[in-house]
Amino acid sequence: MTKQIFEPACIPCILNQGLNSAKLFGITDKKTQLIMLNEIMSEILNYKGNLSGPLFSSTFQSIMKKYSKSDNPYKLIKEKNLEQAKQYIPYLSEMIRLSEDKIEMAIRAAILGNTIDLGANPNYNLEDEVNKISSNNI
């Protein structure tokens, strides 16, 4: 069996997510960031199996845990996002209730929860995403 390689477009995205995550977790030392990114790249080069960004995530997460020195480095960020998202439940519920196509609007609302990924997109803005799903311009 020959060794497969990542989809080339996944590599810069994974490295960018590593740097974004480091910053989210307060890892500001450039040397530590470089060591962490080198470890991610080494894992990419040695990865075996179905090679895609999502399938690499468990390896990526173990590296994040190691350098953030936390078993759940995203915990505080998730809690903050959850509190912010809860504020939109009444609005989204009413939007679904008033919609001509309730199923479509419910699907749009569900998609919203899946778009929160601060590692991949540190500039994520929940309010902007809510505005997108409430418009017809998706």
C-alpha atoms as a PDB file:
ATOM      1  CA  MET A   1       0.000   0.000   0.000  1.00  0.00           C
ATOM      2  CA  THR A   2       1.397   3.367  -0.988  1.00  0.00           C
ATOM      3  CA  LYS A   3       1.431   6.271   1.396  1.00  0.00           C
ATOM      4  CA  GLN A   4      -1.205   8.861   0.590  1.00  0.00           C
ATOM      5  CA  ILE A   5      -0.725  12.578   0.948  1.00  0.00           C
ATOM      6  CA  PHE A   6      -3.085  15.279   2.132  1.00  0.00           C
ATOM      7  CA  GLU A   7      -5.155  17.235  -0.286  1.00  0.00           C
ATOM      8  CA  PRO A   8      -2.628  20.063  -0.800  1.00  0.00           C
ATOM      9  CA  ALA A   9      -5.207  22.767  -0.053  1.00  0.00           C
ATOM     10  CA  CYS A  10      -5.743  21.287   3.442  1.00  0.00           C
ATOM     11  CA  ILE A  11      -2.171  21.882   4.587  1.00  0.00           C
ATOM     12  CA  PRO A  12      -2.112  25.707   4.787  1.00  0.00           C
ATOM     13  CA  CYS A  13      -5.577  25.684   6.325  1.00  0.00           C
ATOM     14  CA  ILE A  14      -4.513  23.235   9.065  1.00  0.00           C
ATOM     15  CA  LEU A  15      -1.363  25.241   9.802  1.00  0.00           C
ATOM     16  CA  ASN A  16      -3.353  28.474   9.881  1.00  0.00           C
ATOM     17  CA  GLN A  17      -5.830  26.865  12.263  1.00  0.00           C
ATOM     18  CA  GLY A  18      -2.897  25.806  14.455  1.00  0.00           C
ATOM     19  CA  LEU A  19      -1.605  29.367  14.660  1.00  0.00           C
ATOM     20  CA  ASN A  20      -5.100  30.764  15.274  1.00  0.00           C
ATOM     21  CA  SER A  21      -5.688  28.203  18.013  1.00  0.00           C
ATOM     22  CA  ALA A  22      -2.366  29.013  19.652  1.00  0.00           C
ATOM     23  CA  LYS A  23      -3.373  32.665  19.827  1.00  0.00           C
ATOM     24  CA  LEU A  24      -6.831  31.769  21.169  1.00  0.00           C
ATOM     25  CA  PHE A  25      -5.212  29.777  23.969  1.00  0.00           C
ATOM     26  CA  GLY A  26      -2.826  32.591  24.856  1.00  0.00           C
ATOM     27  CA  ILE A  27       0.275  30.957  23.371  1.00  0.00           C
ATOM     28  CA  THR A  28       1.953  34.172  22.247  1.00  0.00           C
ATOM     29  CA  ASP A  29       5.606  33.116  22.368  1.00  0.00           C
ATOM     30  CA  LYS A  30       6.732  32.942  18.706  1.00  0.00           C
ATOM     31  CA  LYS A  31       9.225  30.165  19.408  1.00  0.00           C
ATOM     32  CA  THR A  32       6.526  27.984  20.995  1.00  0.00           C
ATOM     33  CA  GLN A  33       4.181  28.746  18.094  1.00  0.00           C
ATOM     34  CA  LEU A  34       6.857  27.648  15.606  1.00  0.00           C
ATOM     35  CA  ILE A  35       7.582  24.452  17.551  1.00  0.00           C
ATOM     36  CA  MET A  36       3.868  23.693  17.628  1.00  0.00           C
ATOM     37  CA  LEU A  37       3.459  24.357  13.888  1.00  0.00           C
ATOM     38  CA  ASN A  38       6.522  22.202  13.142  1.00  0.00           C
ATOM     39  CA  GLU A  39       4.936  19.368  15.111  1.00  0.00           C
ATOM     40  CA  ILE A  40       1.683  19.752  13.186  1.00  0.00           C
ATOM     41  CA  MET A  41       3.600  19.687   9.882  1.00  0.00           C
ATOM     42  CA  SER A  42       5.559  16.632  10.986  1.00  0.00           C
ATOM     43  CA  GLU A  43       2.305  14.849  11.792  1.00  0.00           C
ATOM     44  CA  ILE A  44       0.893  15.837   8.399  1.00  0.00           C
ATOM     45  CA  LEU A  45       3.957  14.418   6.651  1.00  0.00           C
ATOM     46  CA  ASN A  46       3.730  11.150   8.599  1.00  0.00           C
ATOM     47  CA  TYR A  47      -0.060  10.782   8.658  1.00  0.00           C
ATOM     48  CA  LYS A  48      -1.488   7.500   7.416  1.00  0.00           C
ATOM     49  CA  GLY A  49      -5.067   6.703   6.467  1.00  0.00           C
ATOM     50  CA  ASN A  50      -7.812   8.701   4.842  1.00  0.00           C
ATOM     51  CA  LEU A  51      -6.206  12.070   4.630  1.00  0.00           C
ATOM     52  CA  SER A  52      -8.405  15.090   5.085  1.00  0.00           C
ATOM     53  CA  GLY A  53      -8.526  18.019   7.452  1.00  0.00           C
ATOM     54  CA  PRO A  54     -11.515  16.694   9.419  1.00  0.00           C
ATOM     55  CA  LEU A  55      -9.955  13.232   9.829  1.00  0.00           C
ATOM     56  CA  PHE A  56      -6.705  14.821  11.002  1.00  0.00           C
ATOM     57  CA  SER A  57      -8.540  16.700  13.736  1.00  0.00           C
ATOM     58  CA  SER A  58      -7.894  14.179  16.535  1.00  0.00           C
ATOM     59  CA  THR A  59      -4.150  14.431  15.896  1.00  0.00           C
ATOM     60  CA  PHE A  60      -4.472  18.205  15.721  1.00  0.00           C
ATOM     61  CA  GLN A  61      -6.434  18.311  18.980  1.00  0.00           C
ATOM     62  CA  SER A  62      -3.841  16.257  20.828  1.00  0.00           C
ATOM     63  CA  ILE A  63      -1.175  18.779  19.785  1.00  0.00           C
ATOM     64  CA  MET A  64      -3.404  21.645  20.950  1.00  0.00           C
ATOM     65  CA  LYS A  65      -3.872  19.963  24.337  1.00  0.00           C
ATOM     66  CA  LYS A  66      -0.140  19.454  24.715  1.00  0.00           C
ATOM     67  CA  TYR A  67       0.835  23.074  24.073  1.00  0.00           C
ATOM     68  CA  SER A  68      -2.108  24.699  25.836  1.00  0.00           C
ATOM     69  CA  LYS A  69      -1.488  22.415  28.827  1.00  0.00           C
ATOM     70  CA  SER A  70      -5.226  21.780  29.077  1.00  0.00           C
ATOM     71  CA  ASP A  71      -7.326  18.647  28.607  1.00  0.00           C
ATOM     72  CA  ASN A  72     -10.025  20.794  27.005  1.00  0.00           C
ATOM     73  CA  PRO A  73      -8.430  23.953  25.589  1.00  0.00           C
ATOM     74  CA  TYR A  74     -11.634  25.034  23.863  1.00  0.00           C
ATOM     75  CA  LYS A  75     -13.792  24.755  27.009  1.00  0.00           C
ATOM     76  CA  LEU A  76     -13.884  28.446  27.969  1.00  0.00           C
ATOM     77  CA  ILE A  77     -14.377  29.532  24.375  1.00  0.00           C
ATOM     78  CA  LYS A  78     -17.206  27.015  23.912  1.00  0.00           C
ATOM     79  CA  GLU A  79     -18.913  28.209  27.098  1.00  0.00           C
ATOM     80  CA  LYS A  80     -18.691  31.835  25.954  1.00  0.00           C
ATOM     81  CA  ASN A  81     -20.053  30.941  22.496  1.00  0.00           C
ATOM     82  CA  LEU A  82     -22.872  28.918  24.034  1.00  0.00           C
ATOM     83  CA  GLU A  83     -23.951  31.822  26.242  1.00  0.00           C
ATOM     84  CA  GLN A  84     -23.884  34.153  23.249  1.00  0.00           C
ATOM     85  CA  ALA A  85     -25.810  31.671  21.067  1.00  0.00           C
ATOM     86  CA  LYS A  86     -28.508  31.176  23.724  1.00  0.00           C
ATOM     87  CA  GLN A  87     -29.403  34.849  23.370  1.00  0.00           C
ATOM     88  CA  TYR A  88     -30.522  34.182  19.785  1.00  0.00           C
ATOM     89  CA  ILE A  89     -32.841  31.235  20.551  1.00  0.00           C
ATOM     90  CA  PRO A  90     -36.012  33.339  20.970  1.00  0.00           C
ATOM     91  CA  TYR A  91     -35.247  35.294  17.789  1.00  0.00           C
ATOM     92  CA  LEU A  92     -34.473  32.171  15.742  1.00  0.00           C
ATOM     93  CA  SER A  93     -37.524  30.347  17.126  1.00  0.00           C
ATOM     94  CA  GLU A  94     -39.757  33.237  16.119  1.00  0.00           C
ATOM     95  CA  MET A  95     -38.081  33.439  12.722  1.00  0.00           C
ATOM     96  CA  ILE A  96     -38.829  29.741  12.157  1.00  0.00           C
ATOM     97  CA  ARG A  97     -42.406  30.112  13.410  1.00  0.00           C
ATOM     98  CA  LEU A  98     -43.112  33.032  11.045  1.00  0.00           C
ATOM     99  CA  SER A  99     -41.330  31.538   8.047  1.00  0.00           C
ATOM    100  CA  GLU A 100     -43.257  30.336   5.003  1.00  0.00           C
ATOM    101  CA  ASP A 101     -40.897  27.365   4.784  1.00  0.00           C
ATOM    102  CA  LYS A 102     -40.357  26.333   8.390  1.00  0.00           C
ATOM    103  CA  ILE A 103     -38.167  23.362   7.497  1.00  0.00           C
ATOM    104  CA  GLU A 104     -35.794  25.467   5.406  1.00  0.00           C
ATOM    105  CA  MET A 105     -35.516  28.098   8.128  1.00  0.00           C
ATOM    106  CA  ALA A 106     -34.943  25.426  10.805  1.00  0.00           C
ATOM    107  CA  ILE A 107     -32.178  23.960   8.639  1.00  0.00           C
ATOM    108  CA  ARG A 108     -30.607  27.415   8.274  1.00  0.00           C
ATOM    109  CA  ALA A 109     -30.699  27.826  12.061  1.00  0.00           C
ATOM    110  CA  ALA A 110     -29.108  24.386  12.532  1.00  0.00           C
ATOM    111  CA  ILE A 111     -26.363  25.242  10.047  1.00  0.00           C
ATOM    112  CA  LEU A 112     -25.601  28.327  12.103  1.00  0.00           C
ATOM    113  CA  GLY A 113     -24.475  26.166  15.029  1.00  0.00           C
ATOM    114  CA  ASN A 114     -22.115  24.250  12.770  1.00  0.00           C
ATOM    115  CA  THR A 115     -20.403  27.384  11.491  1.00  0.00           C
ATOM    116  CA  ILE A 116     -18.859  28.286  14.849  1.00  0.00           C
ATOM    117  CA  ASP A 117     -15.199  27.377  14.495  1.00  0.00           C
ATOM    118  CA  LEU A 118     -12.883  29.919  16.031  1.00  0.00           C
ATOM    119  CA  GLY A 119      -9.800  27.850  15.305  1.00  0.00           C
ATOM    120  CA  ALA A 120     -10.421  27.990  11.585  1.00  0.00           C
ATOM    121  CA  ASN A 121     -12.006  31.432  11.666  1.00  0.00           C
ATOM    122  CA  PRO A 122     -10.914  33.575  14.614  1.00  0.00           C
ATOM    123  CA  ASN A 123     -12.947  36.503  13.240  1.00  0.00           C
ATOM    124  CA  TYR A 124     -16.219  34.561  13.464  1.00  0.00           C
ATOM    125  CA  ASN A 125     -19.141  36.830  14.276  1.00  0.00           C
ATOM    126  CA  LEU A 126     -22.354  35.143  15.416  1.00  0.00           C
ATOM    127  CA  GLU A 127     -24.500  38.205  14.798  1.00  0.00           C
ATOM    128  CA  ASP A 128     -23.306  38.397  11.166  1.00  0.00           C
ATOM    129  CA  GLU A 129     -24.096  34.705  10.707  1.00  0.00           C
ATOM    130  CA  VAL A 130     -27.590  35.136  12.174  1.00  0.00           C
ATOM    131  CA  ASN A 131     -28.157  38.024   9.763  1.00  0.00           C
ATOM    132  CA  LYS A 132     -27.056  35.824   6.858  1.00  0.00           C
ATOM    133  CA  ILE A 133     -29.519  33.041   7.634  1.00  0.00           C
ATOM    134  CA  SER A 134     -32.358  35.510   8.142  1.00  0.00           C
ATOM    135  CA  SER A 135     -31.810  36.924   4.656  1.00  0.00           C
ATOM    136  CA  ASN A 136     -32.519  35.218   1.376  1.00  0.00           C
ATOM    137  CA  ASN A 137     -28.958  35.787   0.197  1.00  0.00           C
ATOM    138  CA  ILE A 138     -27.357  32.541   1.358  1.00  0.00           C
END
